[in-house]
Every structure is written in C-alpha cells, then in structure tokens.
Amino acid sequence: MSPLRQTHDLVAARRIVIKIGSALLAEEETGAVRRTWLEAIAADVAALRRRGQEVMIVSSGAIAVGRRHLQLPAGALRLDEKQAAAATGMVRLAHAYQEVLDRHGLTVALVLLTLGDTEDRRHYINARNTLTTLLRAGAVPLINENDTVATDEIRFGDNDRLAARVAAMVSADTLILLSDIDGLYTGDPRIDPAATLIPEVRRMTVEIEGYAAEARPGVGTGGMVTKLAAARIALAAGCRMVIADGKPLHPLRRIEEGTPCTWFLPQATPQTARKRWIGGSLKPAGALIIDSGALSALTQGKSLLPAGVVAVEGEFSKGDAVVVRTKDGHEVARGLSGYSAADARRIIGHKSGEIEQRLGYRGRDELIHRDDLVLG
C-alpha cells in the first residue's frame, strides 16, 4: 500500500473502514432495515471497489433489528436480551447486506469480534490475517461486535471504537464514521445556534475534546465522545478519520463531492505507525537466529522465511514480538512471529512448501511477514 496523501480526498484512500450506525440503518420505531438507504450505500461501496479500493464495513443495527423479530419490550434491554436480539438481528442484517451488494457482484463475509480479539496477540494476528485474506479475495468484510458472547466488562459498547480498532488492526488508511451529524462542532448545534463545524483536526487537544457532547436518546449507543475516542485510536495508528452525515442517500459519494464534514489527519502513515509500535512498544519474548542469506533478503525488504533461520531462542506464542539476530549476536530486526516457538523449531531450515508436512497443518509461508518486521 502506498503512503496516503494527507488530504480530504477520499479517492486517495487504499484501504477503507466504514462504520454505519444503528440510527442510519434501522427505523427507530420498528427496527426495520432502511432498504433504500442500504441500497444506496451498496452502490457507493461498489464504486469504491471498482476503483480498486479495499472496503470493510463495521455495522451496528443487529440488536435494533433483532429485538423487533423477537418482540422484545420497548425501552432498555438487559444484557441477555441484547445478546438474544443480536443473535437474531445479525443473521437478517448480514442477509440484507449480501442481497444489496450481490447486485454489484460483491461478496459479503461476516466477521464477529470481541474486545479480547484486539488485545490478545494470537487472536489479533489471526483476525488481521483473516481480514486481509478476505480483502485480497475481493470480499467486503462485514464486522460487528460479537454481542452474543460479550459481557458488560469486555464489550466495546459502541462500534465507533470497534471500527477504529479494526482500522488499526488492518493498517487501514481511512476510517469513515457515518453519523446523524455532519461532523465535530464547537458546541451542540441542536441547542446552540452559534456552534460552528470544525472542518479539520490535526491534533487532539483539550479544547477539541471539550467540544464533544453525549449522544441523544434513540437507537444508537455512540455520541461525539466515542467518536473522539475512535479518532485517538485511528490517529495513533496513522489512519485518517472523517465524521460525516450519513442520513442522506449516497453518503460516501457526498463526501467525495465535498459535503461539510470533519477530517482528522494523522502525523504518520499506517505503515510507519505500525512499524513504530512493533519496533519500540513491544517487549520481545524470544529470538530468531538467521543466516547470511536471510539477512540479505531482509535488507532487500523481504519476509523472513523458515529456511533462513538456524536457531530459535526463548518461548513465545504466535503473534508475540521477537528479536532477529545474526549468528554473531547482532540484532538486525524485530517483528511479530507467525508461529509459536515450538512450531518454529520444527520448521526452521526447511522450505515453506514443507511446513504442512512438518506441522500437520498449512500455516503461513513466512516466520515473520515483512509487514510485521522492522529492521534495526
């Protein structure tokens, strides 16, 4: 993925995460899916895909849709009722997305995540690999929080932050939060006629955070507070973010046409932010000792393959950070291991095509993929 120009141009994006809120997708009174709106967003997504842009959708609405079909009472739901509604609603929601995107020749892939999946290293790398594989295959991942197994203590509670975590996980360069408001204002425009839209934010300050207002009651659970929390996550990952009004038809096209909205622009690209995180923020759990051929490959920007590794030190799990050293002890890189220490010891010195025979399953070809590697 090439570095993204820090502009307001959606056309410049390469990998996009779109968050769609319940209030846009489901009728507040009935919980019915707004089909005309969904068809319009599908047309927008198809236009992005035709340009070669990769798209993921983080969609709320499962609980709102499901409670209608389970005939649950009006008002606040208990956690178990929310989980039951989500189990019903997600099936119908995924079917609706597949139906409208299929008309454009696009395949939907449903992915349910919990907070733990973004914090546990093994779950994180598995989820990242799954999502990137789906994108390479041309699918449109449809992502939601796994409400059916989440608890009050571990659930995200809003999909703004989930979308930002996903954007960081897959090194997306653009996060779009479609909301019922067209951006960040200096006050709440519903009650303050003097409030003005802030078109661009380059740094999260106390003043910026002070502009956030709580969400009004309704179908959705997020407000400007959660959107700014998402912005902090996105900016730290080198991902730009835009808050835009999603109520009108074709909201993505409207963003391209210059509709008023708020852009949050990072100081780094997703690649540099991720490399900084791997190289400086993670404590290595072990080491891989490489030969001269592997060293030459790494300096050329290639991945670390099992054939070039001569020894494994320490005990680590898949996804843990490890040091890469030469035989004389010189540290040349750090990265995230694609295999546990035990499995790594069984495949080092062998070609990637022999991994399945050595381990009994077909894993990734690389011990450390170049996207997960930082040269020292």
Protein backbone atom coordinates (compact mmCIF):
# COMPACT_ATOMS: atom_id res chain seq x y z
CA MET A 1 0.00 0.00 0.00
CA SER A 2 1.46 3.36 -0.98
CA PRO A 3 1.62 6.21 1.56
CA LEU A 4 -1.61 8.23 1.69
CA ARG A 5 -1.65 11.90 0.92
CA GLN A 6 -2.91 13.76 3.99
CA THR A 7 -5.81 15.38 2.16
CA HIS A 8 -9.58 15.35 2.27
CA ASP A 9 -9.68 13.37 -0.96
CA LEU A 10 -11.45 10.03 -0.50
CA VAL A 11 -10.15 8.91 -3.88
CA ALA A 12 -6.63 8.81 -2.40
CA ALA A 13 -7.61 6.05 0.05
CA ARG A 14 -6.47 2.47 -0.49
CA ARG A 15 -7.98 0.57 2.45
CA ILE A 16 -11.19 1.98 3.95
CA VAL A 17 -13.21 1.07 7.05
CA ILE A 18 -16.78 2.39 7.05
CA LYS A 19 -18.75 2.49 10.29
CA ILE A 20 -22.54 2.56 9.94
CA GLY A 21 -24.64 3.36 12.99
CA SER A 22 -27.95 1.85 14.06
CA ALA A 23 -29.76 5.16 13.68
CA LEU A 24 -28.91 5.20 9.95
CA LEU A 25 -29.62 1.56 9.23
CA ALA A 26 -32.75 0.76 11.25
CA GLU A 27 -36.04 2.56 11.73
CA GLU A 28 -36.19 3.80 15.31
CA GLU A 29 -39.83 2.87 15.87
CA THR A 30 -39.98 -0.51 14.12
CA GLY A 31 -36.37 -1.72 13.85
CA ALA A 32 -36.92 -2.40 10.14
CA VAL A 33 -33.89 -2.08 7.85
CA ARG A 34 -33.95 1.05 5.70
CA ARG A 35 -33.64 -0.77 2.40
CA THR A 36 -33.48 2.27 0.11
CA TRP A 37 -30.65 3.73 2.18
CA LEU A 38 -28.83 0.39 2.27
CA GLU A 39 -29.09 0.03 -1.50
CA ALA A 40 -27.56 3.50 -1.89
CA ILE A 41 -24.62 2.74 0.39
CA ALA A 42 -24.09 -0.53 -1.50
CA ALA A 43 -23.83 1.46 -4.73
CA ASP A 44 -21.25 3.75 -3.08
CA VAL A 45 -19.21 0.77 -1.87
CA ALA A 46 -19.35 -0.78 -5.34
CA ALA A 47 -17.99 2.46 -6.82
CA LEU A 48 -15.04 2.33 -4.42
CA ARG A 49 -14.36 -1.30 -5.26
CA ARG A 50 -14.41 -0.58 -8.99
CA ARG A 51 -11.57 1.88 -8.39
CA GLY A 52 -9.58 -0.90 -6.73
CA GLN A 53 -10.10 0.37 -3.18
CA GLU A 54 -10.47 -2.18 -0.38
CA VAL A 55 -13.56 -1.74 1.81
CA MET A 56 -14.64 -3.08 5.19
CA ILE A 57 -17.94 -2.26 6.88
CA VAL A 58 -18.41 -2.11 10.65
CA SER A 59 -22.16 -2.16 11.08
CA SER A 60 -24.36 -1.58 14.07
CA GLY A 61 -28.05 -2.43 13.95
CA ALA A 62 -28.18 -6.13 14.86
CA ILE A 63 -29.84 -5.53 18.22
CA ALA A 64 -32.25 -2.95 16.82
CA VAL A 65 -33.31 -5.31 14.02
CA GLY A 66 -33.38 -8.43 16.19
CA ARG A 67 -35.49 -7.05 19.03
CA ARG A 68 -38.27 -6.38 16.57
CA HIS A 69 -38.39 -10.00 15.42
CA LEU A 70 -38.19 -11.33 18.97
CA GLN A 71 -40.92 -8.88 20.02
CA LEU A 72 -38.87 -7.68 22.98
CA PRO A 73 -40.36 -4.88 25.11
CA ALA A 74 -39.65 -1.21 24.41
CA GLY A 75 -37.02 0.57 26.47
CA ALA A 76 -33.63 -0.50 27.75
CA LEU A 77 -32.82 -4.20 27.34
CA ARG A 78 -30.99 -6.45 29.77
CA LEU A 79 -27.65 -7.85 28.61
CA ASP A 80 -29.13 -11.30 27.89
CA GLU A 81 -31.94 -9.69 25.88
CA LYS A 82 -29.40 -7.69 23.87
CA GLN A 83 -27.45 -10.87 23.18
CA ALA A 84 -30.57 -12.70 22.04
CA ALA A 85 -31.59 -9.78 19.83
CA ALA A 86 -28.10 -9.64 18.32
CA ALA A 87 -28.18 -13.36 17.51
CA THR A 88 -31.40 -12.88 15.55
CA GLY A 89 -30.63 -9.50 14.07
CA MET A 90 -27.15 -10.23 12.77
CA VAL A 91 -28.46 -13.01 10.54
CA ARG A 92 -31.03 -10.70 8.98
CA LEU A 93 -28.59 -7.82 8.75
CA ALA A 94 -25.92 -9.90 7.02
CA HIS A 95 -28.54 -11.21 4.59
CA ALA A 96 -29.64 -7.66 3.78
CA TYR A 97 -26.05 -6.55 3.13
CA GLN A 98 -25.34 -9.58 0.96
CA GLU A 99 -28.54 -9.02 -1.02
CA VAL A 100 -27.75 -5.38 -1.90
CA LEU A 101 -24.02 -5.92 -2.53
CA ASP A 102 -24.60 -9.06 -4.60
CA ARG A 103 -26.34 -6.88 -7.18
CA HIS A 104 -22.93 -5.30 -7.75
CA GLY A 105 -21.12 -8.63 -7.87
CA LEU A 106 -19.66 -8.25 -4.36
CA THR A 107 -19.44 -10.94 -1.69
CA VAL A 108 -20.00 -10.22 2.00
CA ALA A 109 -18.00 -12.03 4.69
CA LEU A 110 -19.34 -11.83 8.25
CA VAL A 111 -16.72 -11.33 11.00
CA LEU A 112 -17.69 -11.03 14.69
CA LEU A 113 -15.10 -9.64 17.11
CA THR A 114 -14.78 -9.01 20.83
CA LEU A 115 -12.51 -6.60 22.66
CA GLY A 116 -10.29 -9.54 23.59
CA ASP A 117 -9.70 -10.29 19.91
CA THR A 118 -7.96 -6.92 19.53
CA GLU A 119 -5.89 -7.28 22.70
CA ASP A 120 -4.85 -10.94 22.75
CA ARG A 121 -1.83 -11.17 20.42
CA ARG A 122 -2.77 -14.53 18.89
CA HIS A 123 -6.39 -13.54 18.32
CA TYR A 124 -5.20 -10.20 16.93
CA ILE A 125 -2.88 -11.70 14.34
CA ASN A 126 -5.45 -14.34 13.35
CA ALA A 127 -8.15 -11.69 12.89
CA ARG A 128 -5.75 -9.48 10.92
CA ASN A 129 -4.75 -12.37 8.67
CA THR A 130 -8.38 -13.35 8.08
CA LEU A 131 -9.45 -9.82 7.20
CA THR A 132 -6.51 -9.19 4.87
CA THR A 133 -7.11 -12.54 3.16
CA LEU A 134 -10.75 -11.61 2.60
CA LEU A 135 -9.71 -8.26 1.14
CA ARG A 136 -7.22 -9.91 -1.22
CA ALA A 137 -10.02 -12.22 -2.36
CA GLY A 138 -12.18 -9.21 -3.21
CA ALA A 139 -14.76 -9.71 -0.46
CA VAL A 140 -16.30 -6.98 1.68
CA PRO A 141 -15.87 -7.94 5.37
CA LEU A 142 -18.96 -7.08 7.42
CA ILE A 143 -17.83 -6.64 11.01
CA ASN A 144 -19.73 -6.32 14.26
CA GLU A 145 -19.10 -6.82 17.93
CA ASN A 146 -19.84 -10.38 18.99
CA ASP A 147 -22.71 -9.33 21.26
CA THR A 148 -23.88 -12.90 21.81
CA VAL A 149 -20.81 -13.76 23.92
CA ALA A 150 -19.68 -10.33 25.17
CA THR A 151 -20.26 -9.21 28.75
CA ASP A 152 -20.59 -5.78 30.35
CA GLU A 153 -16.93 -5.92 31.34
CA ILE A 154 -15.42 -6.81 27.94
CA ARG A 155 -17.79 -5.41 25.30
CA PHE A 156 -16.84 -2.33 23.28
CA GLY A 157 -20.20 -0.72 23.97
CA ASP A 158 -20.09 1.22 20.71
CA ASN A 159 -18.97 0.48 17.20
CA ASP A 160 -17.06 3.74 16.73
CA ARG A 161 -14.19 2.41 18.81
CA LEU A 162 -14.58 -1.06 17.32
CA ALA A 163 -14.20 0.45 13.84
CA ALA A 164 -11.07 2.32 14.95
CA ARG A 165 -9.58 -0.85 16.43
CA VAL A 166 -10.29 -2.69 13.18
CA ALA A 167 -8.75 0.13 11.15
CA ALA A 168 -5.60 -0.06 13.29
CA MET A 169 -5.56 -3.87 13.11
CA VAL A 170 -5.55 -3.98 9.30
CA SER A 171 -3.46 -0.82 8.76
CA ALA A 172 -6.34 0.97 7.02
CA ASP A 173 -5.53 4.47 5.84
CA THR A 174 -9.09 5.86 6.07
CA LEU A 175 -11.87 5.45 8.64
CA ILE A 176 -15.31 6.84 7.83
CA LEU A 177 -17.82 7.31 10.66
CA LEU A 178 -21.26 7.83 9.17
CA SER A 179 -23.34 9.57 11.80
CA ASP A 180 -26.55 11.52 12.27
CA ILE A 181 -24.45 14.70 12.46
CA ASP A 182 -22.10 16.09 9.83
CA GLY A 183 -19.02 16.48 11.99
CA LEU A 184 -17.50 17.97 15.12
CA TYR A 185 -18.91 21.34 16.18
CA THR A 186 -17.74 23.93 18.68
CA GLY A 187 -20.95 23.14 20.57
CA ASP A 188 -24.10 21.08 20.21
CA PRO A 189 -25.77 22.52 17.08
CA ARG A 190 -29.14 21.13 18.20
CA ILE A 191 -29.21 23.57 21.13
CA ASP A 192 -26.51 26.14 20.29
CA PRO A 193 -27.24 28.17 17.13
CA ALA A 194 -23.74 29.71 17.32
CA ALA A 195 -21.99 26.35 17.09
CA THR A 196 -19.75 26.04 14.02
CA LEU A 197 -18.42 22.99 12.19
CA ILE A 198 -14.70 22.22 12.58
CA PRO A 199 -13.57 21.02 9.12
CA GLU A 200 -10.14 19.69 10.10
CA VAL A 201 -8.38 18.38 13.21
CA ARG A 202 -4.66 17.60 13.14
CA ARG A 203 -4.09 17.14 16.86
CA MET A 204 -6.30 16.01 19.72
CA THR A 205 -6.26 18.81 22.29
CA VAL A 206 -8.15 19.56 25.49
CA GLU A 207 -10.12 22.16 23.55
CA ILE A 208 -11.11 19.66 20.84
CA GLU A 209 -12.19 17.07 23.39
CA GLY A 210 -14.21 19.71 25.19
CA TYR A 211 -16.44 20.08 22.14
CA ALA A 212 -17.78 16.53 22.47
CA ALA A 213 -21.42 16.09 23.51
CA GLU A 214 -23.23 12.99 24.70
CA ALA A 215 -25.49 11.13 22.27
CA ARG A 216 -29.17 11.91 22.29
CA PRO A 217 -31.51 9.06 23.22
CA GLY A 218 -32.51 6.72 20.40
CA VAL A 219 -31.41 3.62 18.55
CA GLY A 220 -27.65 4.27 18.63
CA THR A 221 -25.28 4.00 21.60
CA GLY A 222 -22.44 6.25 20.46
CA GLY A 223 -22.03 10.02 20.68
CA MET A 224 -19.32 12.54 19.90
CA VAL A 225 -17.38 11.34 22.95
CA THR A 226 -16.99 7.87 21.44
CA LYS A 227 -16.16 9.35 18.05
CA LEU A 228 -13.30 11.34 19.51
CA ALA A 229 -12.14 8.19 21.33
CA ALA A 230 -12.14 6.49 17.93
CA ALA A 231 -10.18 9.41 16.48
CA ARG A 232 -7.45 9.00 19.10
CA ILE A 233 -7.10 5.31 18.21
CA ALA A 234 -7.11 6.00 14.47
CA LEU A 235 -4.61 8.85 14.60
CA ALA A 236 -2.22 6.81 16.74
CA ALA A 237 -2.37 4.12 14.05
CA GLY A 238 -1.63 6.62 11.26
CA CYS A 239 -5.18 6.38 9.93
CA ARG A 240 -7.11 9.50 8.95
CA MET A 241 -10.76 9.65 10.01
CA VAL A 242 -13.81 11.54 8.84
CA ILE A 243 -17.11 12.14 10.62
CA ALA A 244 -19.85 12.76 8.07
CA ASP A 245 -23.63 12.94 7.89
CA GLY A 246 -24.87 9.52 6.83
CA LYS A 247 -28.61 10.26 6.69
CA PRO A 248 -28.88 11.36 3.03
CA LEU A 249 -28.65 8.76 0.28
CA HIS A 250 -25.16 8.05 -1.13
CA PRO A 251 -23.19 9.50 1.82
CA LEU A 252 -19.82 8.27 0.51
CA ARG A 253 -20.37 9.98 -2.81
CA ARG A 254 -21.34 13.14 -0.94
CA ILE A 255 -18.03 13.06 0.96
CA GLU A 256 -16.19 12.88 -2.37
CA GLU A 257 -18.24 15.81 -3.63
CA GLY A 258 -17.14 17.94 -0.68
CA THR A 259 -20.12 17.81 1.67
CA PRO A 260 -19.39 19.50 5.04
CA CYS A 261 -17.71 17.08 7.46
CA THR A 262 -14.79 16.86 9.89
CA TRP A 263 -11.48 15.24 8.89
CA PHE A 264 -8.95 14.06 11.48
CA LEU A 265 -5.48 13.91 9.89
CA PRO A 266 -2.60 11.89 11.45
CA GLN A 267 1.07 12.81 11.57
CA ALA A 268 2.18 9.41 10.26
CA THR A 269 1.07 6.76 7.77
CA PRO A 270 -0.40 3.42 8.92
CA GLN A 271 2.81 1.68 7.92
CA THR A 272 5.14 3.96 9.89
CA ALA A 273 2.83 3.93 12.93
CA ARG A 274 2.68 0.12 12.91
CA LYS A 275 6.43 -0.21 12.46
CA ARG A 276 6.97 2.19 15.38
CA TRP A 277 4.65 0.07 17.54
CA ILE A 278 6.43 -3.17 16.66
CA GLY A 279 9.92 -1.74 16.97
CA GLY A 280 9.57 0.26 20.16
CA SER A 281 6.44 -0.62 22.11
CA LEU A 282 6.54 -4.41 22.37
CA LYS A 283 8.81 -6.39 24.66
CA PRO A 284 10.44 -9.27 22.72
CA ALA A 285 9.59 -12.74 24.04
CA GLY A 286 12.33 -14.61 22.17
CA ALA A 287 14.75 -14.53 19.28
CA LEU A 288 15.29 -16.00 15.82
CA ILE A 289 18.88 -16.53 14.67
CA ILE A 290 19.36 -16.17 10.91
CA ASP A 291 21.98 -16.99 8.29
CA SER A 292 23.61 -14.64 5.79
CA GLY A 293 21.09 -15.46 3.06
CA ALA A 294 18.16 -14.45 5.26
CA LEU A 295 19.99 -11.27 6.28
CA SER A 296 20.44 -10.33 2.64
CA ALA A 297 16.73 -10.98 1.97
CA LEU A 298 15.66 -8.81 4.91
CA THR A 299 17.80 -5.87 3.78
CA GLN A 300 16.00 -6.10 0.42
CA GLY A 301 12.63 -5.68 2.12
CA LYS A 302 11.60 -9.35 2.00
CA SER A 303 9.91 -11.51 4.65
CA LEU A 304 11.78 -13.90 6.93
CA LEU A 305 11.27 -17.47 5.74
CA PRO A 306 11.92 -20.62 7.82
CA ALA A 307 14.73 -21.75 5.52
CA GLY A 308 16.94 -18.84 6.61
CA VAL A 309 16.57 -19.40 10.36
CA VAL A 310 19.18 -21.55 12.11
CA ALA A 311 18.01 -21.37 15.75
CA VAL A 312 15.12 -20.33 17.98
CA GLU A 313 15.67 -18.86 21.46
CA GLY A 314 13.11 -18.48 24.23
CA GLU A 315 9.48 -19.48 24.47
CA PHE A 316 6.84 -17.43 22.68
CA SER A 317 3.40 -17.73 21.17
CA LYS A 318 2.16 -16.97 17.69
CA GLY A 319 1.92 -13.20 17.31
CA ASP A 320 4.49 -12.39 20.00
CA ALA A 321 7.29 -9.94 19.32
CA VAL A 322 10.73 -11.49 18.73
CA VAL A 323 14.24 -10.23 18.03
CA VAL A 324 16.01 -11.26 14.82
CA ARG A 325 19.77 -11.72 15.25
CA THR A 326 22.72 -12.92 13.18
CA LYS A 327 24.89 -15.83 14.32
CA ASP A 328 27.37 -13.42 15.91
CA GLY A 329 24.64 -11.92 18.09
CA HIS A 330 23.99 -8.70 16.15
CA GLU A 331 20.35 -7.59 16.31
CA VAL A 332 19.10 -6.75 12.82
CA ALA A 333 15.32 -6.61 13.22
CA ARG A 334 12.24 -7.09 15.39
CA GLY A 335 8.92 -8.50 14.35
CA LEU A 336 5.79 -10.49 15.14
CA SER A 337 6.27 -14.24 14.83
CA GLY A 338 3.82 -16.12 12.65
CA TYR A 339 4.43 -19.28 14.68
CA SER A 340 4.94 -20.31 18.29
CA ALA A 341 8.48 -21.15 19.41
CA ALA A 342 7.65 -24.87 19.44
CA ASP A 343 6.35 -24.84 15.86
CA ALA A 344 9.16 -22.55 14.71
CA ARG A 345 11.75 -25.05 15.93
CA ARG A 346 10.13 -27.75 13.80
CA ILE A 347 10.20 -25.77 10.54
CA ILE A 348 13.43 -23.74 10.67
CA GLY A 349 15.90 -24.70 7.98
CA HIS A 350 13.09 -26.04 5.80
CA LYS A 351 11.38 -24.59 2.74
CA SER A 352 7.93 -23.04 3.11
CA GLY A 353 6.45 -25.82 1.00
CA GLU A 354 7.45 -28.32 3.69
CA ILE A 355 5.62 -26.56 6.55
CA GLU A 356 2.43 -28.60 6.26
CA GLN A 357 4.38 -31.86 6.30
CA ARG A 358 6.40 -30.76 9.34
CA LEU A 359 3.49 -29.40 11.40
CA GLY A 360 0.48 -31.33 10.13
CA TYR A 361 -1.30 -28.15 9.03
CA ARG A 362 -0.74 -25.49 6.43
CA GLY A 363 0.29 -22.21 8.04
CA ARG A 364 1.66 -19.03 6.54
CA ASP A 365 4.79 -19.24 4.39
CA GLU A 366 6.75 -16.74 6.47
CA LEU A 367 8.07 -16.91 10.01
CA ILE A 368 7.76 -13.13 10.04
CA HIS A 369 5.92 -11.34 7.24
CA ARG A 370 7.60 -8.17 6.01
CA ASP A 371 4.55 -6.11 7.14
CA ASP A 372 5.26 -7.33 10.70
CA LEU A 373 9.01 -6.71 10.54
CA VAL A 374 11.10 -3.66 11.49
CA LEU A 375 14.79 -3.53 10.61
CA GLY A 376 17.11 -2.35 13.38
